[in-house]
Amino acid sequence: MPSQRNSKLGFAAAFAALCFATAMAATTTSYQQSVETWRKNYEAKLTSDVGWLTVSGIFWLHEGENRFGSDPLNDIVLPAPAPPVAGVFDFRAGKTTVRLEKGVQASVGGKPVGSAELRPDQKADYLVLGHLTVYVHASGDRFAIRLRDKNSKVRKNFTGLKWFPIDESYRVTAKYFPYDQRKEFDSQNILGDPIKVKALGYMLFTLRGQELRLEAEAADEGPGFFIVFRDLTSGKSTYPASRFLDPDAPKDGPDGKTVELDFNKARNPPCAYNPYTTCPVPVPTNRLRVEIPAGEKLYNREHTY
């Protein structure tokens, strides 16, 4: 009888262990699938008609009239089928007004226009000219006209994203400490133009035995965060300037607010693929002295400005 009882207990223990292992494997598989789905959705957005690969030109504005169109003698030369002379961007004291030539059809905010003031980086002020879209872009104290073209060479020649294998050890929980007021940091973009980083708060976490800190800005959309960081893989297996992370909003816990940081979803800035974009570099706090071989790898196409 004791031997039978022990046998039954042993079987029960083995069965419980098997169930636990199966549950853990299912959880891991579910997590990996969620990351793979996120990566596919991210690439689909990047390569879409409104993705960063459609940016195909940046033209710095000078004070006064900046003529634009497909004629090669314009200040701003657009690809065909833009009219040879489409109009002028009148740039004065940081304010830009577009005036179109008679007969040129274009729209702003879905409405036909002959002239309009264009505010920097405002989607409502994008000027649509056929399959081309142009808008004012602020890079520090400088202003430019940025061109989007659905048929851009950057988009046509895109070779696809490369990722590190998914490793759940690079998904960590950080403690979140909000600032009473947004804290401003002086920083710059990859062109050296000065920019202001406005942090909502900072996050403390441990990775590979190191205690690390990241300053977090508000997400462009929704209640989450936007983080620009660099680590010791930068310039080797990842993009040299920076990578981006988009954590969800914080959760309340027994020890305060926490945020999940999943570096398997770390992504490259647009500058990694496109020479016509102007991306921020991380503030000193967000330059992490640790290797993070997770998320997106270095894109394999070289370019320069």
Protein backbone atom coordinates (compact mmCIF):
# COMPACT_ATOMS: atom_id res chain seq x y z
CA MET A 1 0.00 0.00 0.00
CA PRO A 2 2.71 2.58 0.85
CA SER A 3 4.40 1.89 -2.46
CA GLN A 4 1.13 2.41 -4.35
CA ARG A 5 0.50 5.62 -2.40
CA ASN A 6 4.00 6.88 -3.16
CA SER A 7 3.54 5.94 -6.79
CA LYS A 8 0.32 7.91 -6.98
CA LEU A 9 1.92 10.89 -5.28
CA GLY A 10 4.84 10.71 -7.66
CA PHE A 11 2.52 10.57 -10.63
CA ALA A 12 0.52 13.53 -9.33
CA ALA A 13 3.68 15.56 -8.81
CA ALA A 14 4.94 14.72 -12.30
CA PHE A 15 1.54 15.59 -13.80
CA ALA A 16 1.46 18.92 -11.95
CA ALA A 17 4.98 19.72 -13.15
CA LEU A 18 3.97 18.87 -16.71
CA CYS A 19 0.88 21.10 -16.48
CA PHE A 20 3.00 23.96 -15.09
CA ALA A 21 5.60 23.57 -17.86
CA THR A 22 2.85 23.46 -20.48
CA ALA A 23 1.25 26.62 -19.07
CA MET A 24 4.61 28.40 -19.01
CA ALA A 25 5.34 27.35 -22.58
CA ALA A 26 1.90 28.60 -23.67
CA THR A 27 2.52 31.92 -21.93
CA THR A 28 5.91 32.27 -23.60
CA THR A 29 4.48 31.39 -27.00
CA SER A 30 1.64 33.87 -26.50
CA TYR A 31 4.13 36.61 -25.61
CA GLN A 32 6.34 35.86 -28.60
CA GLN A 33 3.32 35.94 -30.89
CA SER A 34 2.27 39.30 -29.48
CA VAL A 35 5.73 40.77 -30.17
CA GLU A 36 5.82 39.29 -33.68
CA THR A 37 2.38 40.80 -34.37
CA TRP A 38 3.57 44.17 -33.07
CA ARG A 39 6.62 44.03 -35.34
CA LYS A 40 4.53 43.18 -38.41
CA ASN A 41 2.12 46.03 -37.67
CA TYR A 42 5.01 48.44 -37.16
CA GLU A 43 6.58 47.54 -40.52
CA ALA A 44 3.18 47.83 -42.23
CA LYS A 45 2.77 51.35 -40.82
CA LEU A 46 6.32 52.31 -41.79
CA THR A 47 5.83 51.19 -45.40
CA SER A 48 2.28 52.56 -45.79
CA ASP A 49 1.20 55.48 -47.99
CA VAL A 50 1.65 57.80 -45.01
CA GLY A 51 4.73 56.12 -43.50
CA TRP A 52 8.17 57.64 -43.04
CA LEU A 53 9.48 56.01 -46.22
CA THR A 54 7.38 58.43 -48.28
CA VAL A 55 9.45 61.41 -47.09
CA SER A 56 11.53 62.17 -50.16
CA GLY A 57 12.92 65.66 -49.79
CA ILE A 58 13.78 68.42 -47.35
CA PHE A 59 14.36 71.97 -48.61
CA TRP A 60 15.60 74.68 -46.26
CA LEU A 61 13.67 77.92 -46.49
CA HIS A 62 15.38 81.28 -46.93
CA GLU A 63 13.83 84.57 -45.90
CA GLY A 64 11.44 85.85 -48.55
CA GLU A 65 9.97 84.02 -51.53
CA ASN A 66 10.92 80.40 -52.20
CA ARG A 67 9.62 79.35 -55.61
CA PHE A 68 8.62 75.72 -56.05
CA GLY A 69 7.63 73.36 -58.86
CA SER A 70 9.18 70.80 -61.19
CA ASP A 71 11.26 73.31 -63.18
CA PRO A 72 14.93 72.69 -62.23
CA LEU A 73 15.55 76.42 -61.74
CA ASN A 74 13.10 76.70 -58.84
CA ASP A 75 14.35 77.14 -55.27
CA ILE A 76 12.46 73.98 -54.36
CA VAL A 77 12.40 71.37 -57.13
CA LEU A 78 9.54 68.88 -56.93
CA PRO A 79 9.19 65.70 -58.98
CA ALA A 80 6.81 65.46 -61.92
CA PRO A 81 3.89 65.69 -62.40
CA ALA A 82 4.08 68.85 -60.28
CA PRO A 83 3.60 71.97 -62.47
CA PRO A 84 6.84 73.61 -63.66
CA VAL A 85 6.05 76.62 -61.47
CA ALA A 86 3.50 75.71 -58.81
CA GLY A 87 3.83 78.80 -56.61
CA VAL A 88 5.89 80.31 -53.82
CA PHE A 89 6.45 79.70 -50.13
CA ASP A 90 6.75 83.17 -48.62
CA PHE A 91 8.83 82.77 -45.46
CA ARG A 92 9.18 85.80 -43.20
CA ALA A 93 10.14 85.96 -39.50
CA GLY A 94 9.33 82.29 -38.94
CA LYS A 95 5.92 82.44 -40.66
CA THR A 96 5.26 80.61 -43.94
CA THR A 97 2.50 81.40 -46.44
CA VAL A 98 1.97 79.46 -49.66
CA ARG A 99 0.67 81.23 -52.77
CA LEU A 100 -0.20 79.05 -55.75
CA GLU A 101 0.01 80.02 -59.39
CA LYS A 102 -3.30 80.55 -61.16
CA GLY A 103 -4.75 77.23 -62.35
CA VAL A 104 -2.69 75.06 -59.97
CA GLN A 105 -4.96 72.71 -58.05
CA ALA A 106 -4.02 71.90 -54.47
CA SER A 107 -5.72 71.49 -51.12
CA VAL A 108 -5.08 72.08 -47.43
CA GLY A 109 -7.18 70.17 -44.94
CA GLY A 110 -9.16 68.66 -47.80
CA LYS A 111 -10.25 72.07 -49.11
CA PRO A 112 -9.03 73.74 -52.34
CA VAL A 113 -6.75 76.71 -51.71
CA GLY A 114 -5.04 79.49 -53.62
CA SER A 115 -3.08 80.70 -50.61
CA ALA A 116 -2.78 79.68 -46.96
CA GLU A 117 -0.60 80.04 -43.89
CA LEU A 118 1.22 76.78 -43.13
CA ARG A 119 2.13 76.12 -39.50
CA PRO A 120 5.14 73.87 -38.84
CA ASP A 121 4.49 70.12 -38.57
CA GLN A 122 0.71 70.45 -38.39
CA LYS A 123 -1.15 67.74 -40.32
CA ALA A 124 -4.08 70.11 -40.77
CA ASP A 125 -1.74 72.38 -42.77
CA TYR A 126 -0.33 69.78 -45.17
CA LEU A 127 -0.48 70.99 -48.77
CA VAL A 128 -1.58 68.20 -51.14
CA LEU A 129 -0.54 68.56 -54.77
CA GLY A 130 -1.59 65.47 -56.73
CA HIS A 131 0.16 62.46 -55.17
CA LEU A 132 2.67 64.80 -53.48
CA THR A 133 2.33 66.28 -50.01
CA VAL A 134 4.44 69.20 -48.77
CA TYR A 135 4.51 70.89 -45.39
CA VAL A 136 6.60 73.16 -43.21
CA HIS A 137 8.99 71.36 -40.86
CA ALA A 138 10.80 72.95 -37.91
CA SER A 139 14.26 71.63 -37.12
CA GLY A 140 15.40 73.54 -34.06
CA ASP A 141 15.44 77.19 -35.10
CA ARG A 142 15.50 76.34 -38.82
CA PHE A 143 12.53 75.81 -41.10
CA ALA A 144 12.22 73.65 -44.18
CA ILE A 145 9.69 72.32 -46.64
CA ARG A 146 9.38 68.57 -46.31
CA LEU A 147 8.16 66.52 -49.27
CA ARG A 148 6.20 63.28 -49.11
CA ASP A 149 5.87 61.18 -52.25
CA LYS A 150 4.08 57.82 -52.30
CA ASN A 151 6.37 56.81 -55.17
CA SER A 152 9.62 57.76 -53.41
CA LYS A 153 12.82 55.85 -54.17
CA VAL A 154 13.36 55.26 -50.45
CA ARG A 155 10.04 53.42 -50.29
CA LYS A 156 10.56 51.50 -53.52
CA ASN A 157 14.06 50.39 -52.51
CA PHE A 158 13.20 49.45 -48.93
CA THR A 159 14.75 46.08 -48.02
CA GLY A 160 12.80 45.20 -44.86
CA LEU A 161 13.44 45.34 -41.14
CA LYS A 162 15.85 43.14 -39.18
CA TRP A 163 15.22 42.13 -35.57
CA PHE A 164 17.02 40.39 -32.73
CA PRO A 165 15.42 37.12 -31.61
CA ILE A 166 12.70 37.72 -29.03
CA ASP A 167 14.12 37.42 -25.53
CA GLU A 168 11.68 37.90 -22.66
CA SER A 169 14.48 38.82 -20.27
CA TYR A 170 14.51 42.22 -22.02
CA ARG A 171 10.93 42.88 -20.91
CA VAL A 172 11.28 44.56 -17.51
CA THR A 173 9.13 46.44 -15.03
CA ALA A 174 10.29 49.94 -14.17
CA LYS A 175 9.25 52.22 -11.34
CA TYR A 176 7.84 55.47 -12.67
CA PHE A 177 8.36 58.84 -10.97
CA PRO A 178 6.38 61.70 -12.56
CA TYR A 179 7.64 65.27 -12.31
CA ASP A 180 5.38 67.88 -10.75
CA GLN A 181 5.86 69.85 -13.97
CA ARG A 182 7.39 68.77 -17.23
CA LYS A 183 11.15 68.99 -16.98
CA GLU A 184 12.98 70.55 -19.93
CA PHE A 185 16.31 69.26 -21.19
CA ASP A 186 18.45 70.89 -23.86
CA SER A 187 19.21 68.44 -26.63
CA GLN A 188 19.67 68.30 -30.39
CA ASN A 189 18.74 66.31 -33.48
CA ILE A 190 21.15 64.42 -35.72
CA LEU A 191 21.76 67.60 -37.76
CA GLY A 192 22.94 69.43 -34.65
CA ASP A 193 19.87 71.67 -34.44
CA PRO A 194 18.95 72.48 -30.82
CA ILE A 195 15.69 71.02 -29.50
CA LYS A 196 13.91 70.92 -26.16
CA VAL A 197 13.02 67.58 -24.58
CA LYS A 198 10.05 67.89 -22.22
CA ALA A 199 10.02 64.90 -19.87
CA LEU A 200 6.89 63.86 -18.00
CA GLY A 201 8.96 61.85 -15.55
CA TYR A 202 11.67 59.22 -15.26
CA MET A 203 11.82 55.43 -14.93
CA LEU A 204 14.15 53.32 -12.80
CA PHE A 205 14.75 49.67 -13.63
CA THR A 206 17.30 46.89 -13.42
CA LEU A 207 18.68 45.14 -16.49
CA ARG A 208 21.51 42.62 -16.53
CA GLY A 209 22.29 43.51 -12.92
CA GLN A 210 22.57 47.24 -13.58
CA GLU A 211 20.28 49.94 -12.21
CA LEU A 212 19.33 52.24 -15.07
CA ARG A 213 17.29 55.40 -15.60
CA LEU A 214 15.33 56.75 -18.56
CA GLU A 215 13.67 60.13 -19.05
CA ALA A 216 10.26 59.75 -20.72
CA GLU A 217 8.34 62.19 -22.90
CA ALA A 218 4.64 62.09 -23.73
CA ALA A 219 3.59 59.89 -26.65
CA ASP A 220 2.54 61.70 -29.82
CA GLU A 221 -0.83 59.98 -29.55
CA GLY A 222 -2.57 58.37 -26.60
CA PRO A 223 -1.68 58.25 -22.90
CA GLY A 224 1.66 56.39 -23.17
CA PHE A 225 5.29 57.49 -23.35
CA PHE A 226 7.99 58.14 -25.91
CA ILE A 227 11.60 57.34 -25.04
CA VAL A 228 14.74 58.05 -27.05
CA PHE A 229 17.69 55.96 -25.89
CA ARG A 230 21.08 54.62 -26.88
CA ASP A 231 23.04 51.65 -25.52
CA LEU A 232 26.38 49.91 -26.09
CA THR A 233 25.12 48.09 -29.20
CA SER A 234 24.69 51.48 -30.93
CA GLY A 235 26.93 51.82 -33.96
CA LYS A 236 27.61 48.08 -33.95
CA SER A 237 24.47 46.01 -34.35
CA THR A 238 21.97 48.86 -33.88
CA TYR A 239 21.52 52.35 -35.34
CA PRO A 240 24.26 54.70 -34.06
CA ALA A 241 22.20 57.77 -33.14
CA SER A 242 19.39 56.25 -31.11
CA ARG A 243 16.43 53.91 -30.91
CA PHE A 244 12.87 54.59 -29.80
CA LEU A 245 10.64 52.90 -27.23
CA ASP A 246 6.88 53.46 -26.78
CA PRO A 247 5.75 52.17 -23.36
CA ASP A 248 2.11 52.15 -22.31
CA ALA A 249 0.75 54.42 -19.59
CA PRO A 250 1.82 53.62 -16.00
CA LYS A 251 -0.10 51.28 -13.72
CA ASP A 252 -0.72 51.80 -10.02
CA GLY A 253 0.78 49.16 -7.77
CA PRO A 254 1.40 48.59 -4.05
CA ASP A 255 4.82 50.25 -4.32
CA GLY A 256 3.80 53.11 -6.59
CA LYS A 257 3.48 53.54 -10.33
CA THR A 258 5.12 51.04 -12.68
CA VAL A 259 5.72 50.87 -16.42
CA GLU A 260 6.57 47.88 -18.60
CA LEU A 261 9.64 48.44 -20.76
CA ASP A 262 9.83 45.90 -23.55
CA PHE A 263 13.08 46.32 -25.47
CA ASN A 264 11.98 43.59 -27.89
CA LYS A 265 9.84 46.40 -29.32
CA ALA A 266 12.67 48.93 -29.50
CA ARG A 267 12.55 50.48 -32.98
CA ASN A 268 14.81 52.56 -35.16
CA PRO A 269 14.17 56.25 -35.76
CA PRO A 270 13.12 57.22 -39.31
CA CYS A 271 16.66 58.47 -39.94
CA ALA A 272 17.85 54.86 -39.98
CA TYR A 273 16.11 54.36 -43.33
CA ASN A 274 15.58 57.83 -44.72
CA PRO A 275 18.12 60.65 -45.26
CA TYR A 276 15.37 63.30 -45.42
CA THR A 277 14.30 63.00 -41.79
CA THR A 278 15.58 64.83 -38.71
CA CYS A 279 15.59 62.64 -35.61
CA PRO A 280 16.42 63.47 -31.98
CA VAL A 281 19.43 62.11 -30.16
CA PRO A 282 19.02 60.96 -26.54
CA VAL A 283 19.71 63.19 -23.57
CA PRO A 284 22.77 62.05 -21.57
CA THR A 285 20.66 60.21 -18.97
CA ASN A 286 19.20 58.01 -21.71
CA ARG A 287 22.60 56.81 -22.96
CA LEU A 288 22.77 53.48 -21.21
CA ARG A 289 26.09 51.84 -20.37
CA VAL A 290 24.82 48.35 -21.10
CA GLU A 291 24.34 46.26 -24.20
CA ILE A 292 20.69 45.71 -25.16
CA PRO A 293 20.70 43.22 -28.07
CA ALA A 294 16.92 43.31 -28.38
CA GLY A 295 14.44 44.93 -30.71
CA GLU A 296 15.37 46.31 -34.12
CA LYS A 297 18.81 45.87 -35.63
CA LEU A 298 20.77 48.25 -37.83
CA TYR A 299 19.12 48.76 -41.21
CA ASN A 300 21.45 47.48 -43.93
CA ARG A 301 21.21 50.41 -46.31
CA GLU A 302 23.71 53.24 -45.95
CA HIS A 303 22.96 56.86 -46.75
CA THR A 304 24.28 60.33 -46.02
CA TYR A 305 22.83 63.83 -46.16
